Amino acid sequence: LVPWAPPRRCFADAMEHGAAVLAVQCKATIKEANADLSVARTLDRSALWEMQTPQVIKPDLLRAGFKLVQEKGYEVTDDVSIVEFMGERVQITQGSYFNIKVTTPEDMFIAERLLTEQGDV
């Protein structure tokens, strides 16, 4: 679904900085909610990025990160979160909105449509 150029840039950024991730700026308005599901506040979307794959981390850094996460019992939602817990830099590499996460039937429908439109099906 995504051209080769963004992942290649991501790998190059990881070589330079130790860790990198493809991402796109959030388009949606994101609200933080209270426990009762009332709106607490609106987050500044200009500073919000949606993480994608690949997430590229130098092997030694990732091994050290997994060790720290295991020792401290941290919960992580993605690989670069491990690097964040270490206080290390994670470089964002501009991704593509076509690089969608396919996890639900709705995602599969969108992916199939994109592939059909691109002529890859």
Foldseek 3Di string as FASTA:
>chain_A
DFDPVQVVVQQVVCVVFQKEFEWAQDPDWDFDADPVRDTPGTDDSVPDIDTADDIDGPPVLQVVLVVVCVVVVDDDDDSVVSVVVVVGDYHYTHGDPLRDDDDDPVSVVVVVVVCVVVVND
